[in-house]
Amino acid sequence: MSESALFTSQALWNRDRLALESDEVLEQILDRGDLADWREIYRLAARPGAEGAELRHRIVHICRTVPLSFPHLFLAAMGALGEKLDPYPEVPAPQDDIAQSLQLG
Protein backbone atom coordinates (compact mmCIF):
# COMPACT_ATOMS: atom_id res chain seq x y z
CA MET A 1 0.00 0.00 0.00
CA SER A 2 1.29 3.45 -0.81
CA GLU A 3 0.34 6.84 0.58
CA SER A 4 -2.00 7.24 -2.39
CA ALA A 5 -3.59 3.87 -1.59
CA LEU A 6 -4.06 5.05 1.98
CA PHE A 7 -6.60 7.50 0.62
CA THR A 8 -8.88 4.58 -0.21
CA SER A 9 -9.16 3.88 3.52
CA GLN A 10 -12.70 3.65 4.80
CA ALA A 11 -11.52 5.83 7.69
CA LEU A 12 -11.51 8.74 5.25
CA TRP A 13 -15.12 8.33 4.18
CA ASN A 14 -15.82 12.04 4.73
CA ARG A 15 -12.72 13.38 2.94
CA ASP A 16 -12.22 14.27 -0.69
CA ARG A 17 -8.41 14.08 -0.48
CA LEU A 18 -5.66 12.70 1.73
CA ALA A 19 -4.10 15.52 3.73
CA LEU A 20 -1.76 13.62 6.02
CA GLU A 21 -0.27 16.90 7.22
CA SER A 22 -3.61 17.55 8.95
CA ASP A 23 -3.76 16.25 12.52
CA GLU A 24 -7.50 15.73 12.10
CA VAL A 25 -6.97 13.39 9.14
CA LEU A 26 -4.19 11.54 10.98
CA GLU A 27 -6.44 11.17 14.03
CA GLN A 28 -9.21 9.80 11.84
CA ILE A 29 -6.89 7.17 10.33
CA LEU A 30 -5.51 6.18 13.75
CA ASP A 31 -8.99 5.90 15.25
CA ARG A 32 -11.02 4.45 12.38
CA GLY A 33 -8.44 2.88 10.08
CA ASP A 34 -7.81 -0.81 9.58
CA LEU A 35 -4.65 -2.89 9.88
CA ALA A 36 -3.50 -2.03 6.34
CA ASP A 37 -3.92 1.69 7.08
CA TRP A 38 -1.96 1.40 10.32
CA ARG A 39 0.84 -0.51 8.59
CA GLU A 40 1.14 2.27 6.03
CA ILE A 41 1.22 4.93 8.75
CA TYR A 42 3.96 2.90 10.50
CA ARG A 43 5.92 2.66 7.25
CA LEU A 44 5.68 6.42 6.77
CA ALA A 45 6.66 7.08 10.40
CA ALA A 46 9.67 4.75 10.04
CA ARG A 47 11.18 6.89 7.27
CA PRO A 48 14.58 8.31 8.13
CA GLY A 49 14.98 12.04 8.43
CA ALA A 50 12.78 14.91 9.45
CA GLU A 51 9.57 13.69 7.76
CA GLY A 52 9.49 10.42 9.67
CA ALA A 53 10.49 12.08 12.96
CA GLU A 54 7.82 14.75 12.61
CA LEU A 55 5.12 12.16 11.91
CA ARG A 56 6.24 10.09 14.93
CA HIS A 57 6.07 13.16 17.20
CA ARG A 58 2.59 14.01 15.91
CA ILE A 59 1.36 10.44 16.50
CA VAL A 60 2.69 10.46 20.07
CA HIS A 61 1.09 13.86 20.72
CA ILE A 62 -2.25 12.72 19.29
CA CYS A 63 -2.21 9.53 21.36
CA ARG A 64 -1.64 11.56 24.53
CA THR A 65 -4.29 14.19 23.86
CA VAL A 66 -7.08 12.72 21.71
CA PRO A 67 -9.41 9.88 22.73
CA LEU A 68 -8.50 7.03 20.35
CA SER A 69 -9.64 3.43 20.39
CA PHE A 70 -6.16 1.94 20.80
CA PRO A 71 -3.63 4.64 21.72
CA HIS A 72 -1.22 2.24 23.44
CA LEU A 73 -0.85 0.28 20.20
CA PHE A 74 0.41 3.36 18.39
CA LEU A 75 2.57 4.49 21.32
CA ALA A 76 4.24 1.06 21.41
CA ALA A 77 4.84 1.23 17.66
CA MET A 78 6.40 4.69 17.98
CA GLY A 79 8.52 3.41 20.88
CA ALA A 80 9.75 0.60 18.64
CA LEU A 81 10.81 3.28 16.15
CA GLY A 82 12.89 5.02 18.83
CA GLU A 83 10.56 7.60 20.32
CA LYS A 84 11.23 8.19 24.01
CA LEU A 85 8.07 7.34 25.97
CA ASP A 86 6.98 6.99 29.56
CA PRO A 87 6.62 3.29 30.47
CA TYR A 88 2.95 3.82 31.43
CA PRO A 89 1.74 6.92 29.58
CA GLU A 90 -1.52 8.58 30.47
CA VAL A 91 -3.96 8.69 27.56
CA PRO A 92 -7.53 9.95 27.23
CA ALA A 93 -10.24 7.31 27.66
CA PRO A 94 -11.73 6.00 24.40
CA GLN A 95 -15.11 7.35 23.42
CA ASP A 96 -16.49 4.46 21.36
CA ASP A 97 -18.37 1.38 22.60
CA ILE A 98 -15.97 -1.18 21.10
CA ALA A 99 -12.83 0.19 22.72
CA GLN A 100 -14.61 0.78 26.03
CA SER A 101 -15.76 -2.85 26.11
CA LEU A 102 -12.16 -4.03 25.59
CA GLN A 103 -10.68 -1.96 28.43
CA LEU A 104 -9.26 -3.95 31.29
CA GLY A 105 -10.59 -3.46 34.77
PDB file of N, CA and C in Angstrom:
ATOM      1  N   MET A   1       0.848  -1.179   0.000  1.00  0.00           N
ATOM      2  CA  MET A   1       0.000   0.000   0.000  1.00  0.00           C
ATOM      3  C   MET A   1       0.887   1.233   0.000  1.00  0.00           C
ATOM      4  N   SER A   2       0.536   2.204  -0.764  1.00  0.00           N
ATOM      5  CA  SER A   2       1.286   3.452  -0.809  1.00  0.00           C
ATOM      6  C   SER A   2       0.454   4.551  -0.166  1.00  0.00           C
ATOM      7  N   GLU A   3       1.072   5.719  -0.012  1.00  0.00           N
ATOM      8  CA  GLU A   3       0.345   6.835   0.580  1.00  0.00           C
ATOM      9  C   GLU A   3      -0.903   7.153  -0.241  1.00  0.00           C
ATOM     10  N   SER A   4      -0.816   6.994  -1.565  1.00  0.00           N
ATOM     11  CA  SER A   4      -1.999   7.236  -2.390  1.00  0.00           C
ATOM     12  C   SER A   4      -3.062   6.167  -2.148  1.00  0.00           C
ATOM     13  N   ALA A   5      -2.625   4.928  -1.891  1.00  0.00           N
ATOM     14  CA  ALA A   5      -3.587   3.867  -1.592  1.00  0.00           C
ATOM     15  C   ALA A   5      -4.224   4.086  -0.228  1.00  0.00           C
ATOM     16  N   LEU A   6      -3.509   4.752   0.663  1.00  0.00           N
ATOM     17  CA  LEU A   6      -4.060   5.049   1.981  1.00  0.00           C
ATOM     18  C   LEU A   6      -5.329   5.882   1.855  1.00  0.00           C
ATOM     19  N   PHE A   7      -5.403   6.683   0.801  1.00  0.00           N
ATOM     20  CA  PHE A   7      -6.598   7.505   0.616  1.00  0.00           C
ATOM     21  C   PHE A   7      -7.847   6.665   0.415  1.00  0.00           C
ATOM     22  N   THR A   8      -7.706   5.432  -0.017  1.00  0.00           N
ATOM     23  CA  THR A   8      -8.876   4.576  -0.213  1.00  0.00           C
ATOM     24  C   THR A   8      -9.394   4.022   1.113  1.00  0.00           C
ATOM     25  N   SER A   9      -8.749   4.343   2.198  1.00  0.00           N
ATOM     26  CA  SER A   9      -9.157   3.877   3.518  1.00  0.00           C
ATOM     27  C   SER A   9     -10.598   4.270   3.813  1.00  0.00           C
ATOM     28  N   GLN A  10     -11.337   3.347   4.392  1.00  0.00           N
ATOM     29  CA  GLN A  10     -12.704   3.646   4.802  1.00  0.00           C
ATOM     30  C   GLN A  10     -12.735   4.663   5.935  1.00  0.00           C
ATOM     31  N   ALA A  11     -11.601   4.823   6.630  1.00  0.00           N
ATOM     32  CA  ALA A  11     -11.524   5.825   7.694  1.00  0.00           C
ATOM     33  C   ALA A  11     -11.678   7.236   7.151  1.00  0.00           C
ATOM     34  N   LEU A  12     -11.443   7.412   5.868  1.00  0.00           N
ATOM     35  CA  LEU A  12     -11.513   8.738   5.254  1.00  0.00           C
ATOM     36  C   LEU A  12     -12.801   8.920   4.457  1.00  0.00           C
ATOM     37  N   TRP A  13     -13.847   8.312   4.905  1.00  0.00           N
ATOM     38  CA  TRP A  13     -15.119   8.332   4.185  1.00  0.00           C
ATOM     39  C   TRP A  13     -15.641   9.752   3.972  1.00  0.00           C
ATOM     40  N   ASN A  14     -15.291  10.680   4.838  1.00  0.00           N
ATOM     41  CA  ASN A  14     -15.821  12.038   4.727  1.00  0.00           C
ATOM     42  C   ASN A  14     -14.796  13.026   4.180  1.00  0.00           C
ATOM     43  N   ARG A  15     -13.779  12.522   3.498  1.00  0.00           N
ATOM     44  CA  ARG A  15     -12.721  13.377   2.940  1.00  0.00           C
ATOM     45  C   ARG A  15     -12.699  13.249   1.426  1.00  0.00           C
ATOM     46  N   ASP A  16     -12.344  14.337   0.767  1.00  0.00           N
ATOM     47  CA  ASP A  16     -12.218  14.266  -0.690  1.00  0.00           C
ATOM     48  C   ASP A  16     -10.761  14.180  -1.127  1.00  0.00           C
ATOM     49  N   ARG A  17      -9.823  14.265  -0.171  1.00  0.00           N
ATOM     50  CA  ARG A  17      -8.411  14.080  -0.477  1.00  0.00           C
ATOM     51  C   ARG A  17      -7.670  13.680   0.789  1.00  0.00           C
ATOM     52  N   LEU A  18      -6.515  13.071   0.607  1.00  0.00           N
ATOM     53  CA  LEU A  18      -5.665  12.697   1.730  1.00  0.00           C
ATOM     54  C   LEU A  18      -4.767  13.871   2.063  1.00  0.00           C
ATOM     55  N   ALA A  19      -4.933  14.410   3.263  1.00  0.00           N
ATOM     56  CA  ALA A  19      -4.102  15.517   3.734  1.00  0.00           C
ATOM     57  C   ALA A  19      -3.426  15.052   5.020  1.00  0.00           C
ATOM     58  N   LEU A  20      -2.408  14.221   4.869  1.00  0.00           N
ATOM     59  CA  LEU A  20      -1.759  13.616   6.024  1.00  0.00           C
ATOM     60  C   LEU A  20      -1.079  14.658   6.913  1.00  0.00           C
ATOM     61  N   GLU A  21      -0.837  15.844   6.390  1.00  0.00           N
ATOM     62  CA  GLU A  21      -0.265  16.902   7.217  1.00  0.00           C
ATOM     63  C   GLU A  21      -1.288  17.462   8.211  1.00  0.00           C
ATOM     64  N   SER A  22      -2.546  17.119   8.044  1.00  0.00           N
ATOM     65  CA  SER A  22      -3.612  17.546   8.949  1.00  0.00           C
ATOM     66  C   SER A  22      -3.711  16.576  10.125  1.00  0.00           C
ATOM     67  N   ASP A  23      -3.618  17.104  11.343  1.00  0.00           N
ATOM     68  CA  ASP A  23      -3.761  16.251  12.522  1.00  0.00           C
ATOM     69  C   ASP A  23      -5.136  15.594  12.562  1.00  0.00           C
ATOM     70  N   GLU A  24      -6.150  16.296  12.093  1.00  0.00           N
ATOM     71  CA  GLU A  24      -7.503  15.733  12.101  1.00  0.00           C
ATOM     72  C   GLU A  24      -7.596  14.494  11.207  1.00  0.00           C
ATOM     73  N   VAL A  25      -6.977  14.539  10.048  1.00  0.00           N
ATOM     74  CA  VAL A  25      -6.971  13.390   9.143  1.00  0.00           C
ATOM     75  C   VAL A  25      -6.164  12.248   9.754  1.00  0.00           C
ATOM     76  N   LEU A  26      -5.010  12.562  10.329  1.00  0.00           N
ATOM     77  CA  LEU A  26      -4.192  11.540  10.983  1.00  0.00           C
ATOM     78  C   LEU A  26      -4.942  10.901  12.143  1.00  0.00           C
ATOM     79  N   GLU A  27      -5.631  11.698  12.936  1.00  0.00           N
ATOM     80  CA  GLU A  27      -6.445  11.173  14.033  1.00  0.00           C
ATOM     81  C   GLU A  27      -7.511  10.225  13.504  1.00  0.00           C
ATOM     82  N   GLN A  28      -8.142  10.613  12.426  1.00  0.00           N
ATOM     83  CA  GLN A  28      -9.207   9.796  11.845  1.00  0.00           C
ATOM     84  C   GLN A  28      -8.661   8.444  11.382  1.00  0.00           C
ATOM     85  N   ILE A  29      -7.489   8.423  10.779  1.00  0.00           N
ATOM     86  CA  ILE A  29      -6.886   7.167  10.333  1.00  0.00           C
ATOM     87  C   ILE A  29      -6.498   6.312  11.533  1.00  0.00           C
ATOM     88  N   LEU A  30      -5.902   6.934  12.564  1.00  0.00           N
ATOM     89  CA  LEU A  30      -5.511   6.175  13.751  1.00  0.00           C
ATOM     90  C   LEU A  30      -6.728   5.598  14.465  1.00  0.00           C
ATOM     91  N   ASP A  31      -7.804   6.346  14.505  1.00  0.00           N
ATOM     92  CA  ASP A  31      -8.988   5.900  15.253  1.00  0.00           C
ATOM     93  C   ASP A  31      -9.880   4.957  14.460  1.00  0.00           C
ATOM     94  N   ARG A  32     -10.037   5.201  13.174  1.00  0.00           N
ATOM     95  CA  ARG A  32     -11.020   4.446  12.382  1.00  0.00           C
ATOM     96  C   ARG A  32     -10.411   3.619  11.257  1.00  0.00           C
ATOM     97  N   GLY A  33      -9.083   3.645  11.135  1.00  0.00           N
ATOM     98  CA  GLY A  33      -8.445   2.881  10.078  1.00  0.00           C
ATOM     99  C   GLY A  33      -8.434   1.393  10.366  1.00  0.00           C
ATOM    100  N   ASP A  34      -7.944   0.636   9.392  1.00  0.00           N
ATOM    101  CA  ASP A  34      -7.815  -0.810   9.581  1.00  0.00           C
ATOM    102  C   ASP A  34      -6.328  -1.169   9.628  1.00  0.00           C
ATOM    103  N   LEU A  35      -6.026  -2.444   9.726  1.00  0.00           N
ATOM    104  CA  LEU A  35      -4.645  -2.892   9.875  1.00  0.00           C
ATOM    105  C   LEU A  35      -3.763  -2.429   8.714  1.00  0.00           C
ATOM    106  N   ALA A  36      -4.274  -2.488   7.500  1.00  0.00           N
ATOM    107  CA  ALA A  36      -3.496  -2.034   6.340  1.00  0.00           C
ATOM    108  C   ALA A  36      -3.180  -0.537   6.442  1.00  0.00           C
ATOM    109  N   ASP A  37      -4.146   0.249   6.903  1.00  0.00           N
ATOM    110  CA  ASP A  37      -3.918   1.686   7.079  1.00  0.00           C
ATOM    111  C   ASP A  37      -2.832   1.924   8.122  1.00  0.00           C
ATOM    112  N   TRP A  38      -2.921   1.212   9.225  1.00  0.00           N
ATOM    113  CA  TRP A  38      -1.962   1.400  10.321  1.00  0.00           C
ATOM    114  C   TRP A  38      -0.563   0.958   9.899  1.00  0.00           C
ATOM    115  N   ARG A  39      -0.476  -0.086   9.099  1.00  0.00           N
ATOM    116  CA  ARG A  39       0.839  -0.511   8.591  1.00  0.00           C
ATOM    117  C   ARG A  39       1.452   0.570   7.708  1.00  0.00           C
ATOM    118  N   GLU A  40       0.630   1.207   6.894  1.00  0.00           N
ATOM    119  CA  GLU A  40       1.136   2.273   6.031  1.00  0.00           C
ATOM    120  C   GLU A  40       1.577   3.482   6.859  1.00  0.00           C
ATOM    121  N   ILE A  41       0.824   3.834   7.866  1.00  0.00           N
ATOM    122  CA  ILE A  41       1.222   4.929   8.752  1.00  0.00           C
ATOM    123  C   ILE A  41       2.551   4.586   9.430  1.00  0.00           C
ATOM    124  N   TYR A  42       2.702   3.336   9.880  1.00  0.00           N
ATOM    125  CA  TYR A  42       3.956   2.901  10.500  1.00  0.00           C
ATOM    126  C   TYR A  42       5.110   3.020   9.502  1.00  0.00           C
ATOM    127  N   ARG A  43       4.877   2.575   8.272  1.00  0.00           N
ATOM    128  CA  ARG A  43       5.922   2.659   7.249  1.00  0.00           C
ATOM    129  C   ARG A  43       6.335   4.109   7.020  1.00  0.00           C
ATOM    130  N   LEU A  44       5.374   5.005   6.960  1.00  0.00           N
ATOM    131  CA  LEU A  44       5.676   6.422   6.767  1.00  0.00           C
ATOM    132  C   LEU A  44       6.406   6.998   7.976  1.00  0.00           C
ATOM    133  N   ALA A  45       6.011   6.592   9.179  1.00  0.00           N
ATOM    134  CA  ALA A  45       6.660   7.078  10.399  1.00  0.00           C
ATOM    135  C   ALA A  45       8.074   6.520  10.548  1.00  0.00           C
ATOM    136  N   ALA A  46       8.348   5.385   9.939  1.00  0.00           N
ATOM    137  CA  ALA A  46       9.666   4.750  10.038  1.00  0.00           C
ATOM    138  C   ALA A  46      10.684   5.361   9.072  1.00  0.00           C
ATOM    139  N   ARG A  47      10.252   6.267   8.218  1.00  0.00           N
ATOM    140  CA  ARG A  47      11.180   6.894   7.267  1.00  0.00           C
ATOM    141  C   ARG A  47      12.280   7.625   8.021  1.00  0.00           C
ATOM    142  N   PRO A  48      13.499   7.549   7.504  1.00  0.00           N
ATOM    143  CA  PRO A  48      14.584   8.311   8.133  1.00  0.00           C
ATOM    144  C   PRO A  48      14.412   9.797   7.851  1.00  0.00           C
ATOM    145  N   GLY A  49      14.997  10.600   8.672  1.00  0.00           N
ATOM    146  CA  GLY A  49      14.981  12.036   8.434  1.00  0.00           C
ATOM    147  C   GLY A  49      13.859  12.764   9.134  1.00  0.00           C
ATOM    148  N   ALA A  50      13.719  14.014   8.773  1.00  0.00           N
ATOM    149  CA  ALA A  50      12.783  14.909   9.450  1.00  0.00           C
ATOM    150  C   ALA A  50      11.319  14.525   9.223  1.00  0.00           C
ATOM    151  N   GLU A  51      10.972  14.050   8.032  1.00  0.00           N
ATOM    152  CA  GLU A  51       9.571  13.689   7.759  1.00  0.00           C
ATOM    153  C   GLU A  51       9.077  12.591   8.682  1.00  0.00           C
ATOM    154  N   GLY A  52       9.869  11.524   8.800  1.00  0.00           N
ATOM    155  CA  GLY A  52       9.489  10.423   9.672  1.00  0.00           C
ATOM    156  C   GLY A  52       9.443  10.850  11.130  1.00  0.00           C
ATOM    157  N   ALA A  53      10.440  11.622  11.567  1.00  0.00           N
ATOM    158  CA  ALA A  53      10.495  12.077  12.956  1.00  0.00           C
ATOM    159  C   ALA A  53       9.301  12.967  13.288  1.00  0.00           C
ATOM    160  N   GLU A  54       8.955  13.861  12.373  1.00  0.00           N
ATOM    161  CA  GLU A  54       7.818  14.754  12.611  1.00  0.00           C
ATOM    162  C   GLU A  54       6.514  13.973  12.712  1.00  0.00           C
ATOM    163  N   LEU A  55       6.332  12.982  11.860  1.00  0.00           N
ATOM    164  CA  LEU A  55       5.120  12.157  11.912  1.00  0.00           C
ATOM    165  C   LEU A  55       5.070  11.369  13.222  1.00  0.00           C
ATOM    166  N   ARG A  56       6.200  10.819  13.655  1.00  0.00           N
ATOM    167  CA  ARG A  56       6.239  10.086  14.927  1.00  0.00           C
ATOM    168  C   ARG A  56       5.861  10.993  16.092  1.00  0.00           C
ATOM    169  N   HIS A  57       6.395  12.206  16.123  1.00  0.00           N
ATOM    170  CA  HIS A  57       6.072  13.157  17.198  1.00  0.00           C
ATOM    171  C   HIS A  57       4.584  13.501  17.193  1.00  0.00           C
ATOM    172  N   ARG A  58       4.026  13.686  16.004  1.00  0.00           N
ATOM    173  CA  ARG A  58       2.593  14.005  15.911  1.00  0.00           C
ATOM    174  C   ARG A  58       1.743  12.845  16.403  1.00  0.00           C
ATOM    175  N   ILE A  59       2.121  11.617  16.048  1.00  0.00           N
ATOM    176  CA  ILE A  59       1.360  10.445  16.497  1.00  0.00           C
ATOM    177  C   ILE A  59       1.401  10.339  18.011  1.00  0.00           C
ATOM    178  N   VAL A  60       2.578  10.519  18.604  1.00  0.00           N
ATOM    179  CA  VAL A  60       2.694  10.457  20.069  1.00  0.00           C
ATOM    180  C   VAL A  60       1.832  11.546  20.703  1.00  0.00           C
ATOM    181  N   HIS A  61       1.895  12.762  20.173  1.00  0.00           N
ATOM    182  CA  HIS A  61       1.087  13.860  20.720  1.00  0.00           C
ATOM    183  C   HIS A  61      -0.408  13.551  20.623  1.00  0.00           C
ATOM    184  N   ILE A  62      -0.838  13.057  19.482  1.00  0.00           N
ATOM    185  CA  ILE A  62      -2.253  12.721  19.289  1.00  0.00           C
ATOM    186  C   ILE A  62      -2.679  11.644  20.277  1.00  0.00           C
ATOM    187  N   CYS A  63      -1.857  10.621  20.443  1.00  0.00           N
ATOM    188  CA  CYS A  63      -2.206   9.531  21.357  1.00  0.00           C
ATOM    189  C   CYS A  63      -2.327   9.998  22.799  1.00  0.00           C
ATOM    190  N   ARG A  64      -1.609  11.045  23.158  1.00  0.00           N
ATOM    191  CA  ARG A  64      -1.639  11.563  24.529  1.00  0.00           C
ATOM    192  C   ARG A  64      -2.730  12.591  24.758  1.00  0.00           C
ATOM    193  N   THR A  65      -3.336  13.093  23.689  1.00  0.00           N
ATOM    194  CA  THR A  65      -4.291  14.192  23.862  1.00  0.00           C
ATOM    195  C   THR A  65      -5.679  13.932  23.280  1.00  0.00           C
ATOM    196  N   VAL A  66      -5.800  12.968  22.395  1.00  0.00           N
ATOM    197  CA  VAL A  66      -7.079  12.717  21.707  1.00  0.00           C
ATOM    198  C   VAL A  66      -7.596  11.337  22.098  1.00  0.00           C
ATOM    199  N   PRO A  67      -8.873  11.211  22.431  1.00  0.00           N
ATOM    200  CA  PRO A  67      -9.413   9.882  22.725  1.00  0.00           C
ATOM    201  C   PRO A  67      -9.430   9.006  21.474  1.00  0.00           C
ATOM    202  N   LEU A  68      -8.564   7.993  21.437  1.00  0.00           N
ATOM    203  CA  LEU A  68      -8.495   7.032  20.345  1.00  0.00           C
ATOM    204  C   LEU A  68      -8.894   5.665  20.867  1.00  0.00           C
ATOM    205  N   SER A  69      -9.256   4.777  19.979  1.00  0.00           N
ATOM    206  CA  SER A  69      -9.644   3.431  20.392  1.00  0.00           C
ATOM    207  C   SER A  69      -8.469   2.651  20.974  1.00  0.00           C
ATOM    208  N   PHE A  70      -7.292   2.755  20.377  1.00  0.00           N
ATOM    209  CA  PHE A  70      -6.155   1.939  20.804  1.00  0.00           C
ATOM    210  C   PHE A  70      -4.866   2.759  20.861  1.00  0.00           C
ATOM    211  N   PRO A  71      -4.801   3.772  21.709  1.00  0.00           N
ATOM    212  CA  PRO A  71      -3.627   4.640  21.721  1.00  0.00           C
ATOM    213  C   PRO A  71      -2.340   3.912  22.112  1.00  0.00           C
ATOM    214  N   HIS A  72      -2.436   2.935  23.003  1.00  0.00           N
ATOM    215  CA  HIS A  72      -1.221   2.240  23.435  1.00  0.00           C
ATOM    216  C   HIS A  72      -0.589   1.437  22.295  1.00  0.00           C
ATOM    217  N   LEU A  73      -1.381   0.971  21.374  1.00  0.00           N
ATOM    218  CA  LEU A  73      -0.854   0.279  20.204  1.00  0.00           C
ATOM    219  C   LEU A  73       0.079   1.202  19.415  1.00  0.00           C
ATOM    220  N   PHE A  74      -0.387   2.417  19.171  1.00  0.00           N
ATOM    221  CA  PHE A  74       0.406   3.360  18.389  1.00  0.00           C
ATOM    222  C   PHE A  74       1.603   3.874  19.182  1.00  0.00           C
ATOM    223  N   LEU A  75       1.432   4.072  20.494  1.00  0.00           N
ATOM    224  CA  LEU A  75       2.567   4.487  21.318  1.00  0.00           C
ATOM    225  C   LEU A  75       3.650   3.413  21.330  1.00  0.00           C
ATOM    226  N   ALA A  76       3.255   2.149  21.433  1.00  0.00           N
ATOM    227  CA  ALA A  76       4.235   1.060  21.411  1.00  0.00           C
ATOM    228  C   ALA A  76       4.958   1.017  20.066  1.00  0.00           C
ATOM    229  N   ALA A  77       4.221   1.230  18.990  1.00  0.00           N
ATOM    230  CA  ALA A  77       4.844   1.230  17.663  1.00  0.00           C
ATOM    231  C   ALA A  77       5.841   2.380  17.538  1.00  0.00           C
ATOM    232  N   MET A  78       5.477   3.560  18.057  1.00  0.00           N
ATOM    233  CA  MET A  78       6.395   4.691  17.982  1.00  0.00           C
ATOM    234  C   MET A  78       7.605   4.459  18.891  1.00  0.00           C
ATOM    235  N   GLY A  79       7.404   3.790  20.017  1.00  0.00           N
ATOM    236  CA  GLY A  79       8.523   3.414  20.880  1.00  0.00           C
ATOM    237  C   GLY A  79       9.469   2.465  20.167  1.00  0.00           C
ATOM    238  N   ALA A  80       8.919   1.535  19.401  1.00  0.00           N
ATOM    239  CA  ALA A  80       9.746   0.597  18.636  1.00  0.00           C
ATOM    240  C   ALA A  80      10.565   1.324  17.570  1.00  0.00           C
ATOM    241  N   LEU A  81      10.084   2.488  17.140  1.00  0.00           N
ATOM    242  CA  LEU A  81      10.812   3.284  16.149  1.00  0.00           C
ATOM    243  C   LEU A  81      11.786   4.261  16.803  1.00  0.00           C
ATOM    244  N   GLY A  82      11.898   4.209  18.139  1.00  0.00           N
ATOM    245  CA  GLY A  82      12.893   5.015  18.826  1.00  0.00           C
ATOM    246  C   GLY A  82      12.391   6.224  19.578  1.00  0.00           C
ATOM    247  N   GLU A  83      11.084   6.468  19.564  1.00  0.00           N
ATOM    248  CA  GLU A  83      10.557   7.598  20.324  1.00  0.00           C
ATOM    249  C   GLU A  83      10.706   7.314  21.815  1.00  0.00           C
ATOM    250  N   LYS A  84      11.102   8.324  22.563  1.00  0.00           N
ATOM    251  CA  LYS A  84      11.233   8.186  24.013  1.00  0.00           C
ATOM    252  C   LYS A  84       9.845   8.353  24.631  1.00  0.00           C
ATOM    253  N   LEU A  85       9.417   7.332  25.386  1.00  0.00           N
ATOM    254  CA  LEU A  85       8.074   7.335  25.967  1.00  0.00           C
ATOM    255  C   LEU A  85       8.139   6.965  27.440  1.00  0.00           C
ATOM    256  N   ASP A  86       7.149   7.441  28.191  1.00  0.00           N
ATOM    257  CA  ASP A  86       6.984   6.985  29.565  1.00  0.00           C
ATOM    258  C   ASP A  86       6.573   5.520  29.516  1.00  0.00           C
ATOM    259  N   PRO A  87       7.001   4.712  30.506  1.00  0.00           N
ATOM    260  CA  PRO A  87       6.620   3.291  30.474  1.00  0.00           C
ATOM    261  C   PRO A  87       5.105   3.073  30.572  1.00  0.00           C
ATOM    262  N   TYR A  88       4.411   3.949  31.275  1.00  0.00           N
ATOM    263  CA  TYR A  88       2.955   3.824  31.429  1.00  0.00           C
ATOM    264  C   TYR A  88       2.312   5.180  31.154  1.00  0.00           C
ATOM    265  N   PRO A  89       2.242   5.577  29.887  1.00  0.00           N
ATOM    266  CA  PRO A  89       1.739   6.922  29.576  1.00  0.00           C
ATOM    267  C   PRO A  89       0.248   7.062  29.840  1.00  0.00           C
ATOM    268  N   GLU A  90      -0.109   8.236  30.292  1.00  0.00           N
ATOM    269  CA  GLU A  90      -1.522   8.579  30.470  1.00  0.00           C
ATOM    270  C   GLU A  90      -2.102   8.924  29.105  1.00  0.00           C
ATOM    271  N   VAL A  91      -3.275   8.385  28.817  1.00  0.00           N
ATOM    272  CA  VAL A  91      -3.956   8.692  27.560  1.00  0.00           C
ATOM    273  C   VAL A  91      -5.426   8.940  27.859  1.00  0.00           C
ATOM    274  N   PRO A  92      -6.095   9.727  27.035  1.00  0.00           N
ATOM    275  CA  PRO A  92      -7.531   9.950  27.232  1.00  0.00           C
ATOM    276  C   PRO A  92      -8.311   8.641  27.043  1.00  0.00           C
ATOM    277  N   ALA A  93      -9.395   8.496  27.781  1.00  0.00           N
ATOM    278  CA  ALA A  93     -10.237   7.306  27.659  1.00  0.00           C
ATOM    279  C   ALA A  93     -10.902   7.287  26.289  1.00  0.00           C
ATOM    280  N   PRO A  94     -11.052   6.090  25.699  1.00  0.00           N
ATOM    281  CA  PRO A  94     -11.726   6.001  24.395  1.00  0.00           C
ATOM    282  C   PRO A  94     -13.194   6.397  24.524  1.00  0.00           C
ATOM    283  N   GLN A  95     -13.732   6.872  23.423  1.00  0.00           N
ATOM    284  CA  GLN A  95     -15.112   7.347  23.424  1.00  0.00           C
ATOM    285  C   GLN A  95     -16.084   6.439  22.681  1.00  0.00           C
ATOM    286  N   ASP A  96     -15.581   5.332  22.107  1.00  0.00           N
ATOM    287  CA  ASP A  96     -16.495   4.458  21.363  1.00  0.00           C
ATOM    288  C   ASP A  96     -16.797   3.192  22.165  1.00  0.00           C
ATOM    289  N   ASP A  97     -17.904   2.553  21.857  1.00  0.00           N
ATOM    290  CA  ASP A  97     -18.369   1.382  22.596  1.00  0.00           C
ATOM    291  C   ASP A  97     -17.425   0.194  22.474  1.00  0.00           C
ATOM    292  N   ILE A  98     -16.840  -0.015  21.308  1.00  0.00           N
ATOM    293  CA  ILE A  98     -15.966  -1.179  21.102  1.00  0.00           C
ATOM    294  C   ILE A  98     -14.746  -1.080  21.986  1.00  0.00           C
ATOM    295  N   ALA A  99     -14.040   0.046  21.938  1.00  0.00           N
ATOM    296  CA  ALA A  99     -12.828   0.193  22.724  1.00  0.00           C
ATOM    297  C   ALA A  99     -13.145   0.172  24.218  1.00  0.00           C
ATOM    298  N   GLN A 100     -14.249   0.776  24.624  1.00  0.00           N
ATOM    299  CA  GLN A 100     -14.609   0.778  26.035  1.00  0.00           C
ATOM    300  C   GLN A 100     -14.885  -0.643  26.533  1.00  0.00           C
ATOM    301  N   SER A 101     -15.465  -1.478  25.701  1.00  0.00           N
ATOM    302  CA  SER A 101     -15.763  -2.846  26.115  1.00  0.00           C
ATOM    303  C   SER A 101     -14.503  -3.688  26.224  1.00  0.00           C
ATOM    304  N   LEU A 102     -13.421  -3.287  25.558  1.00  0.00           N
ATOM    305  CA  LEU A 102     -12.165  -4.029  25.594  1.00  0.00           C
ATOM    306  C   LEU A 102     -11.227  -3.568  26.700  1.00  0.00           C
ATOM    307  N   GLN A 103     -11.552  -2.470  27.374  1.00  0.00           N
ATOM    308  CA  GLN A 103     -10.679  -1.963  28.429  1.00  0.00           C
ATOM    309  C   GLN A 103     -10.630  -2.962  29.578  1.00  0.00           C
ATOM    310  N   LEU A 104      -9.438  -3.079  30.139  1.00  0.00           N
ATOM    311  CA  LEU A 104      -9.264  -3.950  31.287  1.00  0.00           C
ATOM    312  C   LEU A 104      -9.707  -3.227  32.543  1.00  0.00           C
ATOM    313  N   GLY A 105     -10.243  -4.005  33.464  1.00  0.00           N
ATOM    314  CA  GLY A 105     -10.593  -3.460  34.771  1.00  0.00           C
ATOM    315  C   GLY A 105     -11.903  -2.853  34.735  1.00  0.00           C
TER     316      GLY A 105
END
